[in-house]
Amino acid sequence: MATVNAWTVADLSALYMANRSSLISQARRTLRNEQDAIEVVQEAFLKFMLAAPELDSEDRALAYIRTSINNLSLNRYRDWE
């Protein structure tokens, strides 16, 4: 299987578009705000692409992104308090 480093821009775009709604829903559960959720998802995906972790499957890539979304959402929520 290819690592993220071997994925094309089209592959990464397809991954984003195929999972965007569920990722936004995940962030929205913590943030309770659609726009903040969208921003967190975009930030998590950008960090994922820049870090280019050595992941050997789409499932592992999504797990990495979901963990990032959880962490970023919690950080943003804490900043509000």
PDB file of N, CA and C in Angstrom:
ATOM      1  N   MET A   1       0.829  -1.184   0.000  1.00  0.00           N
ATOM      2  CA  MET A   1       0.000   0.000   0.000  1.00  0.00           C
ATOM      3  C   MET A   1       0.871   1.245   0.000  1.00  0.00           C
ATOM      4  N   ALA A   2       0.355   2.295  -0.579  1.00  0.00           N
ATOM      5  CA  ALA A   2       1.100   3.547  -0.655  1.00  0.00           C
ATOM      6  C   ALA A   2       1.024   4.286   0.679  1.00  0.00           C
ATOM      7  N   THR A   3       2.083   5.013   0.970  1.00  0.00           N
ATOM      8  CA  THR A   3       2.046   5.890   2.130  1.00  0.00           C
ATOM      9  C   THR A   3       1.469   7.220   1.683  1.00  0.00           C
ATOM     10  N   VAL A   4       1.141   8.055   2.648  1.00  0.00           N
ATOM     11  CA  VAL A   4       0.581   9.362   2.326  1.00  0.00           C
ATOM     12  C   VAL A   4       1.543  10.137   1.434  1.00  0.00           C
ATOM     13  N   ASN A   5       2.850   9.967   1.657  1.00  0.00           N
ATOM     14  CA  ASN A   5       3.837  10.674   0.841  1.00  0.00           C
ATOM     15  C   ASN A   5       3.687  10.341  -0.632  1.00  0.00           C
ATOM     16  N   ALA A   6       3.167   9.161  -0.958  1.00  0.00           N
ATOM     17  CA  ALA A   6       3.027   8.736  -2.346  1.00  0.00           C
ATOM     18  C   ALA A   6       1.669   9.118  -2.934  1.00  0.00           C
ATOM     19  N   TRP A   7       0.772   9.630  -2.126  1.00  0.00           N
ATOM     20  CA  TRP A   7      -0.551   9.988  -2.622  1.00  0.00           C
ATOM     21  C   TRP A   7      -0.463  11.267  -3.443  1.00  0.00           C
ATOM     22  N   THR A   8      -1.291  11.343  -4.443  1.00  0.00           N
ATOM     23  CA  THR A   8      -1.350  12.538  -5.282  1.00  0.00           C
ATOM     24  C   THR A   8      -2.298  13.562  -4.663  1.00  0.00           C
ATOM     25  N   VAL A   9      -2.274  14.758  -5.194  1.00  0.00           N
ATOM     26  CA  VAL A   9      -3.198  15.800  -4.758  1.00  0.00           C
ATOM     27  C   VAL A   9      -4.636  15.333  -4.992  1.00  0.00           C
ATOM     28  N   ALA A  10      -4.863  14.643  -6.099  1.00  0.00           N
ATOM     29  CA  ALA A  10      -6.202  14.123  -6.399  1.00  0.00           C
ATOM     30  C   ALA A  10      -6.636  13.099  -5.352  1.00  0.00           C
ATOM     31  N   ASP A  11      -5.714  12.251  -4.903  1.00  0.00           N
ATOM     32  CA  ASP A  11      -6.033  11.260  -3.866  1.00  0.00           C
ATOM     33  C   ASP A  11      -6.421  11.951  -2.563  1.00  0.00           C
ATOM     34  N   LEU A  12      -5.637  12.954  -2.178  1.00  0.00           N
ATOM     35  CA  LEU A  12      -5.912  13.675  -0.938  1.00  0.00           C
ATOM     36  C   LEU A  12      -7.221  14.460  -1.035  1.00  0.00           C
ATOM     37  N   SER A  13      -7.467  15.035  -2.192  1.00  0.00           N
ATOM     38  CA  SER A  13      -8.721  15.753  -2.411  1.00  0.00           C
ATOM     39  C   SER A  13      -9.909  14.808  -2.314  1.00  0.00           C
ATOM     40  N   ALA A  14      -9.785  13.641  -2.900  1.00  0.00           N
ATOM     41  CA  ALA A  14     -10.863  12.643  -2.844  1.00  0.00           C
ATOM     42  C   ALA A  14     -11.101  12.193  -1.404  1.00  0.00           C
ATOM     43  N   LEU A  15     -10.040  12.002  -0.648  1.00  0.00           N
ATOM     44  CA  LEU A  15     -10.161  11.616   0.761  1.00  0.00           C
ATOM     45  C   LEU A  15     -10.914  12.694   1.535  1.00  0.00           C
ATOM     46  N   TYR A  16     -10.551  13.948   1.300  1.00  0.00           N
ATOM     47  CA  TYR A  16     -11.208  15.067   1.977  1.00  0.00           C
ATOM     48  C   TYR A  16     -12.683  15.137   1.609  1.00  0.00           C
ATOM     49  N   MET A  17     -12.973  15.119   0.324  1.00  0.00           N
ATOM     50  CA  MET A  17     -14.358  15.265  -0.126  1.00  0.00           C
ATOM     51  C   MET A  17     -15.239  14.097   0.313  1.00  0.00           C
ATOM     52  N   ALA A  18     -14.687  12.905   0.327  1.00  0.00           N
ATOM     53  CA  ALA A  18     -15.468  11.728   0.712  1.00  0.00           C
ATOM     54  C   ALA A  18     -15.807  11.722   2.203  1.00  0.00           C
ATOM     55  N   ASN A  19     -14.997  12.400   3.020  1.00  0.00           N
ATOM     56  CA  ASN A  19     -15.170  12.331   4.475  1.00  0.00           C
ATOM     57  C   ASN A  19     -15.498  13.670   5.125  1.00  0.00           C
ATOM     58  N   ARG A  20     -15.588  14.705   4.335  1.00  0.00           N
ATOM     59  CA  ARG A  20     -15.776  16.058   4.851  1.00  0.00           C
ATOM     60  C   ARG A  20     -16.976  16.174   5.786  1.00  0.00           C
ATOM     61  N   SER A  21     -18.113  15.689   5.377  1.00  0.00           N
ATOM     62  CA  SER A  21     -19.339  15.832   6.180  1.00  0.00           C
ATOM     63  C   SER A  21     -19.214  15.160   7.539  1.00  0.00           C
ATOM     64  N   SER A  22     -18.704  13.949   7.560  1.00  0.00           N
ATOM     65  CA  SER A  22     -18.589  13.250   8.846  1.00  0.00           C
ATOM     66  C   SER A  22     -17.529  13.894   9.733  1.00  0.00           C
ATOM     67  N   LEU A  23     -16.468  14.428   9.132  1.00  0.00           N
ATOM     68  CA  LEU A  23     -15.430  15.100   9.917  1.00  0.00           C
ATOM     69  C   LEU A  23     -15.958  16.405  10.513  1.00  0.00           C
ATOM     70  N   ILE A  24     -16.745  17.140   9.755  1.00  0.00           N
ATOM     71  CA  ILE A  24     -17.352  18.371  10.272  1.00  0.00           C
ATOM     72  C   ILE A  24     -18.337  18.038  11.389  1.00  0.00           C
ATOM     73  N   SER A  25     -19.101  16.992  11.215  1.00  0.00           N
ATOM     74  CA  SER A  25     -20.041  16.574  12.267  1.00  0.00           C
ATOM     75  C   SER A  25     -19.300  16.224  13.549  1.00  0.00           C
ATOM     76  N   GLN A  26     -18.170  15.561  13.404  1.00  0.00           N
ATOM     77  CA  GLN A  26     -17.355  15.203  14.565  1.00  0.00           C
ATOM     78  C   GLN A  26     -16.913  16.459  15.312  1.00  0.00           C
ATOM     79  N   ALA A  27     -16.395  17.440  14.604  1.00  0.00           N
ATOM     80  CA  ALA A  27     -15.937  18.676  15.244  1.00  0.00           C
ATOM     81  C   ALA A  27     -17.109  19.471  15.820  1.00  0.00           C
ATOM     82  N   ARG A  28     -18.224  19.476  15.124  1.00  0.00           N
ATOM     83  CA  ARG A  28     -19.403  20.237  15.564  1.00  0.00           C
ATOM     84  C   ARG A  28     -19.953  19.705  16.885  1.00  0.00           C
ATOM     85  N   ARG A  29     -19.808  18.404  17.139  1.00  0.00           N
ATOM     86  CA  ARG A  29     -20.291  17.845  18.409  1.00  0.00           C
ATOM     87  C   ARG A  29     -19.598  18.490  19.603  1.00  0.00           C
ATOM     88  N   THR A  30     -18.343  18.841  19.450  1.00  0.00           N
ATOM     89  CA  THR A  30     -17.614  19.497  20.531  1.00  0.00           C
ATOM     90  C   THR A  30     -17.805  21.006  20.500  1.00  0.00           C
ATOM     91  N   LEU A  31     -17.737  21.583  19.316  1.00  0.00           N
ATOM     92  CA  LEU A  31     -17.713  23.038  19.188  1.00  0.00           C
ATOM     93  C   LEU A  31     -19.089  23.683  19.149  1.00  0.00           C
ATOM     94  N   ARG A  32     -20.099  22.938  18.742  1.00  0.00           N
ATOM     95  CA  ARG A  32     -21.475  23.449  18.672  1.00  0.00           C
ATOM     96  C   ARG A  32     -21.620  24.637  17.726  1.00  0.00           C
ATOM     97  N   ASN A  33     -20.729  24.702  16.728  1.00  0.00           N
ATOM     98  CA  ASN A  33     -20.762  25.817  15.790  1.00  0.00           C
ATOM     99  C   ASN A  33     -20.260  25.316  14.444  1.00  0.00           C
ATOM    100  N   GLU A  34     -21.055  25.492  13.421  1.00  0.00           N
ATOM    101  CA  GLU A  34     -20.730  24.976  12.085  1.00  0.00           C
ATOM    102  C   GLU A  34     -19.446  25.582  11.512  1.00  0.00           C
ATOM    103  N   GLN A  35     -19.336  26.903  11.587  1.00  0.00           N
ATOM    104  CA  GLN A  35     -18.161  27.564  10.997  1.00  0.00           C
ATOM    105  C   GLN A  35     -16.870  27.166  11.711  1.00  0.00           C
ATOM    106  N   ASP A  36     -16.915  27.103  13.033  1.00  0.00           N
ATOM    107  CA  ASP A  36     -15.728  26.666  13.780  1.00  0.00           C
ATOM    108  C   ASP A  36     -15.381  25.227  13.441  1.00  0.00           C
ATOM    109  N   ALA A  37     -16.379  24.391  13.271  1.00  0.00           N
ATOM    110  CA  ALA A  37     -16.144  22.994  12.914  1.00  0.00           C
ATOM    111  C   ALA A  37     -15.469  22.892  11.543  1.00  0.00           C
ATOM    112  N   ILE A  38     -15.937  23.682  10.594  1.00  0.00           N
ATOM    113  CA  ILE A  38     -15.338  23.678   9.253  1.00  0.00           C
ATOM    114  C   ILE A  38     -13.880  24.115   9.328  1.00  0.00           C
ATOM    115  N   GLU A  39     -13.609  25.148  10.108  1.00  0.00           N
ATOM    116  CA  GLU A  39     -12.233  25.635  10.246  1.00  0.00           C
ATOM    117  C   GLU A  39     -11.322  24.590  10.880  1.00  0.00           C
ATOM    118  N   VAL A  40     -11.816  23.898  11.897  1.00  0.00           N
ATOM    119  CA  VAL A  40     -11.020  22.864  12.558  1.00  0.00           C
ATOM    120  C   VAL A  40     -10.715  21.722  11.592  1.00  0.00           C
ATOM    121  N   VAL A  41     -11.696  21.312  10.813  1.00  0.00           N
ATOM    122  CA  VAL A  41     -11.481  20.230   9.846  1.00  0.00           C
ATOM    123  C   VAL A  41     -10.438  20.646   8.815  1.00  0.00           C
ATOM    124  N   GLN A  42     -10.536  21.852   8.321  1.00  0.00           N
ATOM    125  CA  GLN A  42      -9.561  22.328   7.346  1.00  0.00           C
ATOM    126  C   GLN A  42      -8.161  22.386   7.958  1.00  0.00           C
ATOM    127  N   GLU A  43      -8.063  22.863   9.188  1.00  0.00           N
ATOM    128  CA  GLU A  43      -6.768  22.944   9.862  1.00  0.00           C
ATOM    129  C   GLU A  43      -6.185  21.546  10.102  1.00  0.00           C
ATOM    130  N   ALA A  44      -7.023  20.618  10.526  1.00  0.00           N
ATOM    131  CA  ALA A  44      -6.551  19.245  10.772  1.00  0.00           C
ATOM    132  C   ALA A  44      -6.065  18.605   9.482  1.00  0.00           C
ATOM    133  N   PHE A  45      -6.783  18.819   8.411  1.00  0.00           N
ATOM    134  CA  PHE A  45      -6.394  18.217   7.135  1.00  0.00           C
ATOM    135  C   PHE A  45      -5.105  18.847   6.621  1.00  0.00           C
ATOM    136  N   LEU A  46      -4.965  20.150   6.772  1.00  0.00           N
ATOM    137  CA  LEU A  46      -3.744  20.825   6.348  1.00  0.00           C
ATOM    138  C   LEU A  46      -2.543  20.319   7.157  1.00  0.00           C
ATOM    139  N   LYS A  47      -2.711  20.220   8.460  1.00  0.00           N
ATOM    140  CA  LYS A  47      -1.630  19.692   9.303  1.00  0.00           C
ATOM    141  C   LYS A  47      -1.274  18.269   8.899  1.00  0.00           C
ATOM    142  N   PHE A  48      -2.274  17.485   8.598  1.00  0.00           N
ATOM    143  CA  PHE A  48      -2.051  16.111   8.152  1.00  0.00           C
ATOM    144  C   PHE A  48      -1.208  16.091   6.876  1.00  0.00           C
ATOM    145  N   MET A  49      -1.558  16.922   5.913  1.00  0.00           N
ATOM    146  CA  MET A  49      -0.826  16.933   4.646  1.00  0.00           C
ATOM    147  C   MET A  49       0.596  17.455   4.831  1.00  0.00           C
ATOM    148  N   LEU A  50       0.784  18.461   5.675  1.00  0.00           N
ATOM    149  CA  LEU A  50       2.113  19.013   5.894  1.00  0.00           C
ATOM    150  C   LEU A  50       3.012  18.059   6.677  1.00  0.00           C
ATOM    151  N   ALA A  51       2.430  17.338   7.620  1.00  0.00           N
ATOM    152  CA  ALA A  51       3.207  16.394   8.419  1.00  0.00           C
ATOM    153  C   ALA A  51       3.550  15.147   7.612  1.00  0.00           C
ATOM    154  N   ALA A  52       2.695  14.811   6.673  1.00  0.00           N
ATOM    155  CA  ALA A  52       2.877  13.636   5.808  1.00  0.00           C
ATOM    156  C   ALA A  52       3.344  12.409   6.589  1.00  0.00           C
ATOM    157  N   PRO A  53       2.550  11.986   7.568  1.00  0.00           N
ATOM    158  CA  PRO A  53       2.931  10.800   8.335  1.00  0.00           C
ATOM    159  C   PRO A  53       2.967   9.564   7.441  1.00  0.00           C
ATOM    160  N   GLU A  54       3.785   8.640   7.816  1.00  0.00           N
ATOM    161  CA  GLU A  54       3.924   7.400   7.047  1.00  0.00           C
ATOM    162  C   GLU A  54       2.764   6.458   7.401  1.00  0.00           C
ATOM    163  N   LEU A  55       1.670   6.618   6.718  1.00  0.00           N
ATOM    164  CA  LEU A  55       0.492   5.792   6.961  1.00  0.00           C
ATOM    165  C   LEU A  55       0.259   4.918   5.741  1.00  0.00           C
ATOM    166  N   ASP A  56      -0.083   3.673   5.991  1.00  0.00           N
ATOM    167  CA  ASP A  56      -0.167   2.726   4.881  1.00  0.00           C
ATOM    168  C   ASP A  56      -1.581   2.443   4.399  1.00  0.00           C
ATOM    169  N   SER A  57      -2.558   3.184   4.913  1.00  0.00           N
ATOM    170  CA  SER A  57      -3.927   2.951   4.442  1.00  0.00           C
ATOM    171  C   SER A  57      -4.783   4.189   4.670  1.00  0.00           C
ATOM    172  N   GLU A  58      -5.882   4.243   3.949  1.00  0.00           N
ATOM    173  CA  GLU A  58      -6.832   5.335   4.121  1.00  0.00           C
ATOM    174  C   GLU A  58      -7.425   5.309   5.522  1.00  0.00           C
ATOM    175  N   ASP A  59      -7.666   4.111   6.062  1.00  0.00           N
ATOM    176  CA  ASP A  59      -8.230   4.003   7.411  1.00  0.00           C
ATOM    177  C   ASP A  59      -7.302   4.627   8.450  1.00  0.00           C
ATOM    178  N   ARG A  60      -6.008   4.381   8.327  1.00  0.00           N
ATOM    179  CA  ARG A  60      -5.053   4.971   9.268  1.00  0.00           C
ATOM    180  C   ARG A  60      -4.949   6.479   9.071  1.00  0.00           C
ATOM    181  N   ALA A  61      -5.029   6.927   7.836  1.00  0.00           N
ATOM    182  CA  ALA A  61      -5.011   8.361   7.565  1.00  0.00           C
ATOM    183  C   ALA A  61      -6.219   9.030   8.218  1.00  0.00           C
ATOM    184  N   LEU A  62      -7.382   8.420   8.083  1.00  0.00           N
ATOM    185  CA  LEU A  62      -8.592   8.985   8.696  1.00  0.00           C
ATOM    186  C   LEU A  62      -8.504   8.968  10.213  1.00  0.00           C
ATOM    187  N   ALA A  63      -7.927   7.930  10.774  1.00  0.00           N
ATOM    188  CA  ALA A  63      -7.755   7.873  12.229  1.00  0.00           C
ATOM    189  C   ALA A  63      -6.861   9.023  12.698  1.00  0.00           C
ATOM    190  N   TYR A  64      -5.805   9.278  11.963  1.00  0.00           N
ATOM    191  CA  TYR A  64      -4.898  10.390  12.269  1.00  0.00           C
ATOM    192  C   TYR A  64      -5.648  11.724  12.201  1.00  0.00           C
ATOM    193  N   ILE A  65      -6.423  11.917  11.144  1.00  0.00           N
ATOM    194  CA  ILE A  65      -7.178  13.163  10.971  1.00  0.00           C
ATOM    195  C   ILE A  65      -8.226  13.312  12.064  1.00  0.00           C
ATOM    196  N   ARG A  66      -8.937  12.238  12.374  1.00  0.00           N
ATOM    197  CA  ARG A  66      -9.976  12.298  13.423  1.00  0.00           C
ATOM    198  C   ARG A  66      -9.373  12.632  14.786  1.00  0.00           C
ATOM    199  N   THR A  67      -8.219  12.063  15.083  1.00  0.00           N
ATOM    200  CA  THR A  67      -7.549  12.380  16.345  1.00  0.00           C
ATOM    201  C   THR A  67      -7.150  13.847  16.372  1.00  0.00           C
ATOM    202  N   SER A  68      -6.640  14.348  15.256  1.00  0.00           N
ATOM    203  CA  SER A  68      -6.285  15.767  15.163  1.00  0.00           C
ATOM    204  C   SER A  68      -7.510  16.648  15.362  1.00  0.00           C
ATOM    205  N   ILE A  69      -8.629  16.256  14.771  1.00  0.00           N
ATOM    206  CA  ILE A  69      -9.870  17.036  14.917  1.00  0.00           C
ATOM    207  C   ILE A  69     -10.304  17.067  16.375  1.00  0.00           C
ATOM    208  N   ASN A  70     -10.239  15.934  17.047  1.00  0.00           N
ATOM    209  CA  ASN A  70     -10.586  15.899  18.472  1.00  0.00           C
ATOM    210  C   ASN A  70      -9.701  16.850  19.269  1.00  0.00           C
ATOM    211  N   ASN A  71      -8.395  16.766  19.031  1.00  0.00           N
ATOM    212  CA  ASN A  71      -7.464  17.605  19.778  1.00  0.00           C
ATOM    213  C   ASN A  71      -7.663  19.090  19.482  1.00  0.00           C
ATOM    214  N   LEU A  72      -7.789  19.444  18.211  1.00  0.00           N
ATOM    215  CA  LEU A  72      -7.988  20.841  17.840  1.00  0.00           C
ATOM    216  C   LEU A  72      -9.316  21.384  18.374  1.00  0.00           C
ATOM    217  N   SER A  73     -10.354  20.565  18.329  1.00  0.00           N
ATOM    218  CA  SER A  73     -11.666  20.987  18.842  1.00  0.00           C
ATOM    219  C   SER A  73     -11.602  21.237  20.343  1.00  0.00           C
ATOM    220  N   LEU A  74     -10.968  20.333  21.058  1.00  0.00           N
ATOM    221  CA  LEU A  74     -10.843  20.503  22.510  1.00  0.00           C
ATOM    222  C   LEU A  74     -10.002  21.723  22.845  1.00  0.00           C
ATOM    223  N   ASN A  75      -8.923  21.946  22.112  1.00  0.00           N
ATOM    224  CA  ASN A  75      -8.100  23.130  22.343  1.00  0.00           C
ATOM    225  C   ASN A  75      -8.901  24.406  22.114  1.00  0.00           C
ATOM    226  N   ARG A  76      -9.664  24.436  21.047  1.00  0.00           N
ATOM    227  CA  ARG A  76     -10.458  25.625  20.741  1.00  0.00           C
ATOM    228  C   ARG A  76     -11.535  25.830  21.815  1.00  0.00           C
ATOM    229  N   TYR A  77     -12.169  24.743  22.235  1.00  0.00           N
ATOM    230  CA  TYR A  77     -13.191  24.828  23.287  1.00  0.00           C
ATOM    231  C   TYR A  77     -12.588  25.371  24.595  1.00  0.00           C
ATOM    232  N   ARG A  78     -11.415  24.869  24.943  1.00  0.00           N
ATOM    233  CA  ARG A  78     -10.748  25.340  26.163  1.00  0.00           C
ATOM    234  C   ARG A  78     -10.393  26.818  26.083  1.00  0.00           C
ATOM    235  N   ASP A  79     -10.014  27.267  24.888  1.00  0.00           N
ATOM    236  CA  ASP A  79      -9.677  28.685  24.708  1.00  0.00           C
ATOM    237  C   ASP A  79     -10.872  29.593  24.956  1.00  0.00           C
ATOM    238  N   TRP A  80     -12.085  29.070  24.731  1.00  0.00           N
ATOM    239  CA  TRP A  80     -13.295  29.862  24.942  1.00  0.00           C
ATOM    240  C   TRP A  80     -13.606  30.053  26.411  1.00  0.00           C
ATOM    241  N   GLU A  81     -13.179  29.104  27.223  1.00  0.00           N
ATOM    242  CA  GLU A  81     -13.520  29.158  28.662  1.00  0.00           C
ATOM    243  C   GLU A  81     -12.734  30.195  29.411  1.00  0.00           C
TER     244      GLU A  81
END
